Amino acid sequence: MGEFIEELKLGVYQTFILDNNYQYFLEGIKVTLLVTVFALMLGLVLGVIVAIIRSAHDQQPEKKKGIVLRILNALCKLYLTVIRGTPMLVQLLIMWFVIWAGTRATDGNLIRCAVLAFGINSGAYVAEIIRSGIMSIDKGQMEAGRSLGLNYAATMRFVIIPQAFKNVLPALGNELITLLKETSVVTVIGLRDLTKGAMIIQSKTYQAFVPYIAIALIYLIMVIVLSWILGKLERRLRQSDLR
């Protein structure tokens, strides 16, 4: 037992203190959160647009579906099928080594590539989450908005989407947490996130236990904090509904 404790102390020293290795973790947290936040923003924008197109197509009578709406819905279905049917890692590799081929591997380019790849991927899942929320809203809400003189876009913006957002907030929270953890695969394109930082420390110190346990705990703490924030937001929204 005493030998294990001594080895653990040495591992902690080499992982965090030796050569200021803790900076790899700080930089990794920064990159991880940066990619997660901007990818989520892109995913929300894409998801809302796709969800509105898909729900508009599903809610319209067959005779009233114009050619433009049919084409847009077909493109959205293709997007959802391709993105949800292929692994995130493969999409990231295609984005960097195919679409961004020949681009210099600077931190800025790597981050932009990762944000784009994860944003497009997240958008497909967010779209289906939001679409389910829109479809769960009673049709009378749309009719009430239109009777007040609002057009379709305004009714969706001010009446339907806010209610749908409340209904799907837990699912969106799960998508955010999943996205945060999935960013660990950006190591394959050389981006220095938390996982890459631990790998660098391991290569320098030949210590694997402490670096990888450390990033596992860091991810766990970030997920716990996010879950707490989302829980408070859900409770606040429920309280506003009761007033």
Foldseek 3Di string as FASTA:
>chain_A
DVVVVVVVVVVVCLCDPVVNLVVLQVVQAVLLVLLLVLLLVLLLVLLVVLLVLCLVVVPDPPVPQDPVSVVSNVVSVVLLCVLVVDDLLVLLCCLCCPVVNPPDPDLVVLSVSSSVSSSSSSNSVSNVLLNVLLVPDDPVQQVVCVVVVDDNVVSCVPTRSVRSCLVRLVVSLVSSLVSSVVSLSSVVSPHSHLNNSLVVSCVVPVDNVVSVVVVVVVSVVVSVVSVVVSVVVSVVVVVVVVD
